[in-house]
N, C-alpha and C. Protein backbone atom coordinates (compact mmCIF):
# COMPACT_ATOMS: atom_id res chain seq x y z
N VAL A 1 6.33 -8.87 74.48
CA VAL A 1 7.63 -9.37 74.04
C VAL A 1 7.54 -9.68 72.54
N GLN A 2 8.43 -9.07 71.77
CA GLN A 2 8.44 -9.31 70.34
C GLN A 2 9.89 -9.41 69.86
N LEU A 3 10.11 -10.35 68.95
CA LEU A 3 11.42 -10.54 68.35
C LEU A 3 11.25 -10.56 66.84
N VAL A 4 12.07 -9.80 66.14
CA VAL A 4 11.99 -9.73 64.69
C VAL A 4 13.38 -9.96 64.10
N GLU A 5 13.53 -11.07 63.37
CA GLU A 5 14.81 -11.39 62.76
C GLU A 5 14.90 -10.79 61.36
N SER A 6 16.12 -10.51 60.95
CA SER A 6 16.39 -10.03 59.60
C SER A 6 17.80 -10.43 59.20
N GLY A 7 18.09 -10.30 57.92
CA GLY A 7 19.45 -10.53 57.44
C GLY A 7 19.66 -11.83 56.71
N GLY A 8 18.64 -12.67 56.63
CA GLY A 8 18.80 -13.92 55.91
C GLY A 8 18.86 -13.69 54.41
N GLY A 9 19.14 -14.77 53.68
CA GLY A 9 19.19 -14.66 52.24
C GLY A 9 19.95 -15.82 51.62
N LEU A 10 20.28 -15.65 50.36
CA LEU A 10 21.02 -16.67 49.61
C LEU A 10 22.49 -16.27 49.56
N VAL A 11 23.36 -17.21 49.88
CA VAL A 11 24.79 -16.94 49.89
C VAL A 11 25.51 -18.18 49.36
N GLN A 12 26.64 -17.96 48.73
CA GLN A 12 27.43 -19.08 48.22
C GLN A 12 28.23 -19.73 49.35
N PRO A 13 28.56 -20.99 49.19
CA PRO A 13 29.41 -21.64 50.20
C PRO A 13 30.69 -20.85 50.43
N GLY A 14 31.05 -20.73 51.69
CA GLY A 14 32.22 -19.94 52.05
C GLY A 14 31.92 -18.48 52.34
N GLY A 15 30.70 -18.08 52.04
CA GLY A 15 30.31 -16.69 52.25
C GLY A 15 29.90 -16.41 53.68
N SER A 16 29.46 -15.17 53.91
CA SER A 16 29.09 -14.72 55.24
C SER A 16 27.73 -14.03 55.22
N LEU A 17 27.06 -14.11 56.34
CA LEU A 17 25.82 -13.37 56.56
C LEU A 17 25.79 -12.90 58.00
N THR A 18 25.10 -11.80 58.23
CA THR A 18 24.89 -11.32 59.58
C THR A 18 23.40 -11.26 59.85
N LEU A 19 22.94 -12.05 60.80
CA LEU A 19 21.55 -12.03 61.20
C LEU A 19 21.36 -11.08 62.39
N SER A 20 20.26 -10.36 62.36
CA SER A 20 19.97 -9.45 63.46
C SER A 20 18.60 -9.75 64.03
N CYS A 21 18.48 -9.60 65.32
CA CYS A 21 17.21 -9.82 66.02
C CYS A 21 16.89 -8.56 66.81
N ALA A 22 15.84 -7.89 66.41
CA ALA A 22 15.41 -6.68 67.11
C ALA A 22 14.36 -7.06 68.14
N ALA A 23 14.60 -6.67 69.38
CA ALA A 23 13.70 -7.02 70.47
C ALA A 23 12.90 -5.81 70.93
N SER A 24 11.69 -6.07 71.36
CA SER A 24 10.87 -5.03 71.96
C SER A 24 10.07 -5.65 73.10
N GLY A 25 9.75 -4.84 74.07
CA GLY A 25 9.00 -5.31 75.22
C GLY A 25 9.86 -5.82 76.35
N PHE A 26 11.16 -5.89 76.12
CA PHE A 26 12.10 -6.29 77.15
C PHE A 26 13.49 -5.85 76.71
N THR A 27 14.46 -5.96 77.60
CA THR A 27 15.83 -5.54 77.32
C THR A 27 16.71 -6.78 77.16
N VAL A 28 17.34 -6.93 76.00
CA VAL A 28 18.08 -8.16 75.71
C VAL A 28 19.24 -8.38 76.67
N SER A 29 19.78 -7.30 77.23
CA SER A 29 20.92 -7.44 78.12
C SER A 29 20.52 -7.97 79.50
N GLU A 30 19.22 -8.15 79.73
CA GLU A 30 18.76 -8.63 81.04
C GLU A 30 18.34 -10.09 81.00
N TYR A 31 18.55 -10.75 79.85
CA TYR A 31 18.13 -12.15 79.71
C TYR A 31 19.12 -12.94 78.87
N ASP A 32 19.17 -14.24 79.11
CA ASP A 32 19.86 -15.13 78.19
C ASP A 32 19.15 -15.07 76.84
N MET A 33 19.92 -15.11 75.76
CA MET A 33 19.35 -15.04 74.42
C MET A 33 19.92 -16.17 73.57
N ASN A 34 19.08 -16.72 72.71
CA ASN A 34 19.48 -17.84 71.86
C ASN A 34 19.24 -17.54 70.38
N TRP A 35 20.03 -18.19 69.55
CA TRP A 35 19.73 -18.35 68.13
C TRP A 35 19.52 -19.86 67.91
N VAL A 36 18.45 -20.18 67.25
CA VAL A 36 18.07 -21.56 67.00
C VAL A 36 17.78 -21.69 65.51
N ARG A 37 18.03 -22.86 64.95
CA ARG A 37 17.71 -23.04 63.53
C ARG A 37 16.93 -24.34 63.33
N GLN A 38 16.18 -24.34 62.26
CA GLN A 38 15.43 -25.53 61.89
C GLN A 38 15.76 -25.89 60.46
N LEU A 39 16.46 -27.00 60.31
CA LEU A 39 16.80 -27.49 58.99
C LEU A 39 15.58 -28.16 58.38
N PRO A 40 15.51 -28.21 57.06
CA PRO A 40 14.34 -28.81 56.41
C PRO A 40 14.08 -30.23 56.90
N GLY A 41 12.88 -30.46 57.40
CA GLY A 41 12.49 -31.79 57.83
C GLY A 41 13.07 -32.25 59.15
N LYS A 42 13.68 -31.32 59.89
CA LYS A 42 14.32 -31.72 61.15
C LYS A 42 13.83 -30.86 62.31
N GLU A 43 14.18 -31.30 63.52
CA GLU A 43 13.83 -30.55 64.71
C GLU A 43 14.68 -29.28 64.80
N ARG A 44 14.17 -28.34 65.56
CA ARG A 44 14.96 -27.14 65.82
C ARG A 44 16.18 -27.51 66.66
N GLU A 45 17.29 -26.83 66.39
CA GLU A 45 18.51 -27.08 67.16
C GLU A 45 19.10 -25.75 67.62
N LEU A 46 19.66 -25.79 68.82
CA LEU A 46 20.29 -24.60 69.36
C LEU A 46 21.60 -24.35 68.63
N VAL A 47 21.77 -23.15 68.13
CA VAL A 47 22.98 -22.78 67.39
C VAL A 47 23.94 -22.03 68.29
N ALA A 48 23.42 -21.04 68.99
CA ALA A 48 24.29 -20.21 69.82
C ALA A 48 23.46 -19.58 70.94
N GLN A 49 24.13 -19.33 72.04
CA GLN A 49 23.47 -18.66 73.14
C GLN A 49 24.46 -17.73 73.84
N ILE A 50 23.89 -16.67 74.40
CA ILE A 50 24.69 -15.71 75.15
C ILE A 50 23.98 -15.50 76.48
N ASP A 51 24.76 -15.49 77.55
CA ASP A 51 24.14 -15.43 78.86
C ASP A 51 23.77 -13.99 79.23
N ILE A 52 23.09 -13.88 80.35
CA ILE A 52 22.56 -12.60 80.80
C ILE A 52 23.66 -11.56 80.99
N HIS A 53 24.85 -12.02 81.32
CA HIS A 53 25.96 -11.09 81.58
C HIS A 53 26.71 -10.74 80.30
N GLY A 54 26.39 -11.45 79.23
CA GLY A 54 27.08 -11.21 77.98
C GLY A 54 28.51 -11.70 77.99
N ILE A 55 28.84 -12.55 78.93
CA ILE A 55 30.21 -13.04 79.08
C ILE A 55 30.35 -14.45 78.52
N ASP A 56 29.42 -15.30 78.91
CA ASP A 56 29.48 -16.70 78.46
C ASP A 56 28.67 -16.89 77.19
N THR A 57 29.30 -17.54 76.24
CA THR A 57 28.61 -17.91 75.01
C THR A 57 28.82 -19.39 74.76
N ASN A 58 27.85 -20.02 74.13
CA ASN A 58 27.94 -21.43 73.78
C ASN A 58 27.47 -21.63 72.35
N TYR A 59 28.09 -22.60 71.70
CA TYR A 59 27.78 -22.84 70.30
C TYR A 59 27.62 -24.33 70.03
N ALA A 60 26.78 -24.64 69.06
CA ALA A 60 26.71 -26.02 68.59
C ALA A 60 28.06 -26.40 67.98
N ASP A 61 28.45 -27.63 68.14
CA ASP A 61 29.75 -28.07 67.62
C ASP A 61 29.87 -27.79 66.12
N SER A 62 28.78 -27.88 65.42
CA SER A 62 28.82 -27.72 63.96
C SER A 62 29.11 -26.30 63.51
N VAL A 63 28.98 -25.32 64.42
CA VAL A 63 29.21 -23.93 64.03
C VAL A 63 30.35 -23.28 64.77
N LYS A 64 30.96 -23.98 65.72
CA LYS A 64 32.06 -23.40 66.50
C LYS A 64 33.17 -22.94 65.58
N GLY A 65 33.65 -21.74 65.87
CA GLY A 65 34.74 -21.18 65.07
C GLY A 65 34.26 -20.46 63.81
N ARG A 66 32.97 -20.60 63.49
CA ARG A 66 32.44 -19.95 62.30
C ARG A 66 31.35 -18.91 62.63
N PHE A 67 30.59 -19.16 63.70
CA PHE A 67 29.49 -18.26 64.08
C PHE A 67 29.86 -17.53 65.37
N THR A 68 29.38 -16.30 65.49
CA THR A 68 29.59 -15.51 66.70
C THR A 68 28.29 -14.81 67.08
N ILE A 69 27.88 -15.00 68.33
CA ILE A 69 26.69 -14.32 68.85
C ILE A 69 27.13 -13.11 69.67
N SER A 70 26.39 -12.04 69.55
CA SER A 70 26.70 -10.84 70.33
C SER A 70 25.40 -10.06 70.51
N ARG A 71 25.45 -9.05 71.35
CA ARG A 71 24.26 -8.21 71.51
C ARG A 71 24.67 -6.77 71.70
N ASP A 72 23.78 -5.90 71.32
CA ASP A 72 24.00 -4.46 71.39
C ASP A 72 22.94 -3.89 72.33
N LYS A 73 23.38 -3.48 73.49
CA LYS A 73 22.45 -2.98 74.49
C LYS A 73 21.76 -1.70 74.01
N ALA A 74 22.52 -0.84 73.35
CA ALA A 74 21.96 0.45 72.92
C ALA A 74 20.86 0.25 71.87
N LYS A 75 21.07 -0.72 70.97
CA LYS A 75 20.09 -0.97 69.92
C LYS A 75 19.06 -2.02 70.33
N ASN A 76 19.31 -2.69 71.46
CA ASN A 76 18.44 -3.77 71.93
C ASN A 76 18.29 -4.86 70.88
N THR A 77 19.43 -5.28 70.36
CA THR A 77 19.46 -6.31 69.33
C THR A 77 20.44 -7.42 69.70
N VAL A 78 20.22 -8.57 69.10
CA VAL A 78 21.14 -9.70 69.21
C VAL A 78 21.55 -10.07 67.78
N THR A 79 22.82 -10.29 67.59
CA THR A 79 23.36 -10.53 66.26
C THR A 79 24.02 -11.90 66.19
N LEU A 80 23.88 -12.54 65.03
CA LEU A 80 24.60 -13.78 64.77
C LEU A 80 25.42 -13.58 63.52
N GLN A 81 26.73 -13.47 63.69
CA GLN A 81 27.65 -13.35 62.57
C GLN A 81 28.01 -14.75 62.10
N MET A 82 27.76 -15.03 60.84
CA MET A 82 28.00 -16.37 60.30
C MET A 82 29.02 -16.29 59.18
N ASN A 83 30.14 -16.95 59.37
CA ASN A 83 31.22 -16.96 58.38
C ASN A 83 31.44 -18.37 57.85
N ASN A 84 32.11 -18.43 56.71
CA ASN A 84 32.44 -19.73 56.10
C ASN A 84 31.21 -20.64 56.05
N LEU A 85 30.14 -20.11 55.53
CA LEU A 85 28.89 -20.85 55.50
C LEU A 85 28.97 -22.08 54.59
N ARG A 86 28.22 -23.10 55.00
CA ARG A 86 28.19 -24.37 54.28
C ARG A 86 26.76 -24.68 53.86
N PRO A 87 26.59 -25.50 52.84
CA PRO A 87 25.22 -25.90 52.46
C PRO A 87 24.44 -26.50 53.63
N ALA A 88 25.14 -27.17 54.55
CA ALA A 88 24.46 -27.78 55.70
C ALA A 88 23.92 -26.74 56.68
N ASP A 89 24.31 -25.48 56.51
CA ASP A 89 23.78 -24.41 57.37
C ASP A 89 22.44 -23.88 56.86
N THR A 90 21.99 -24.36 55.71
CA THR A 90 20.71 -23.93 55.18
C THR A 90 19.59 -24.29 56.14
N ALA A 91 18.84 -23.26 56.56
CA ALA A 91 17.81 -23.47 57.57
C ALA A 91 17.05 -22.16 57.78
N VAL A 92 15.99 -22.25 58.55
CA VAL A 92 15.33 -21.05 59.04
C VAL A 92 15.92 -20.77 60.42
N TYR A 93 16.38 -19.56 60.61
CA TYR A 93 17.04 -19.17 61.86
C TYR A 93 16.09 -18.31 62.69
N TYR A 94 16.01 -18.66 63.97
CA TYR A 94 15.11 -17.97 64.90
C TYR A 94 15.90 -17.39 66.07
N CYS A 95 15.45 -16.26 66.49
CA CYS A 95 15.93 -15.66 67.73
C CYS A 95 14.94 -16.05 68.83
N ALA A 96 15.45 -16.31 70.03
CA ALA A 96 14.56 -16.73 71.11
C ALA A 96 15.05 -16.22 72.45
N VAL A 97 14.10 -15.94 73.31
CA VAL A 97 14.42 -15.56 74.69
C VAL A 97 13.76 -16.62 75.59
N PRO A 98 14.55 -17.56 76.11
CA PRO A 98 13.99 -18.69 76.85
C PRO A 98 13.12 -18.32 78.04
N PHE A 99 13.47 -17.24 78.71
CA PHE A 99 12.73 -16.87 79.92
C PHE A 99 11.25 -16.66 79.63
N PHE A 100 10.96 -16.04 78.48
CA PHE A 100 9.57 -15.77 78.11
C PHE A 100 8.99 -16.86 77.21
N GLY A 101 9.85 -17.76 76.75
CA GLY A 101 9.37 -18.77 75.80
C GLY A 101 8.95 -18.16 74.48
N SER A 102 9.59 -17.07 74.11
CA SER A 102 9.21 -16.33 72.91
C SER A 102 10.20 -16.53 71.77
N TRP A 103 9.65 -16.54 70.55
CA TRP A 103 10.43 -16.73 69.34
C TRP A 103 10.06 -15.66 68.32
N GLY A 104 10.98 -15.39 67.43
CA GLY A 104 10.66 -14.54 66.30
C GLY A 104 10.00 -15.36 65.20
N GLN A 105 9.79 -14.71 64.05
CA GLN A 105 9.14 -15.39 62.94
C GLN A 105 10.14 -16.17 62.09
N GLY A 106 11.41 -15.92 62.31
CA GLY A 106 12.46 -16.64 61.59
C GLY A 106 12.89 -15.94 60.32
N THR A 107 14.11 -16.25 59.91
CA THR A 107 14.64 -15.71 58.66
C THR A 107 15.35 -16.86 57.93
N GLN A 108 15.10 -16.97 56.65
CA GLN A 108 15.63 -18.08 55.86
C GLN A 108 17.06 -17.80 55.44
N VAL A 109 17.92 -18.78 55.67
CA VAL A 109 19.30 -18.73 55.19
C VAL A 109 19.49 -19.91 54.24
N THR A 110 19.91 -19.61 53.03
CA THR A 110 20.15 -20.65 52.03
C THR A 110 21.58 -20.53 51.54
N VAL A 111 22.34 -21.61 51.68
CA VAL A 111 23.74 -21.64 51.24
C VAL A 111 23.83 -22.57 50.04
N SER A 112 24.08 -21.99 48.90
CA SER A 112 24.08 -22.78 47.68
C SER A 112 24.86 -22.07 46.59
N SER A 113 25.48 -22.86 45.74
CA SER A 113 26.19 -22.30 44.61
C SER A 113 25.28 -22.25 43.38
């Protein structure tokens, strides 16, 4: 099981980024998938999750209406679309598959003017 995140970077407040998580060793459409972030000096927090059926999604209150999680069965990827970014969204973002207890290496997102 391997997860590789990409798409992070520096963006101005109000901007957008799309994070992608490429999975190998398993099929993302057969498991619940999460995006988690770790803010500087803080514990990791769940940002978004999508269930095994791809029907139910859940978001942290702080990102509702701004972030969207989705997955592409053909590409075996999970995506986090982030809009209207705020400085408080600055963090390392991780893709995770709870069933295996596996995480990617993370991708840094910095929101700053």
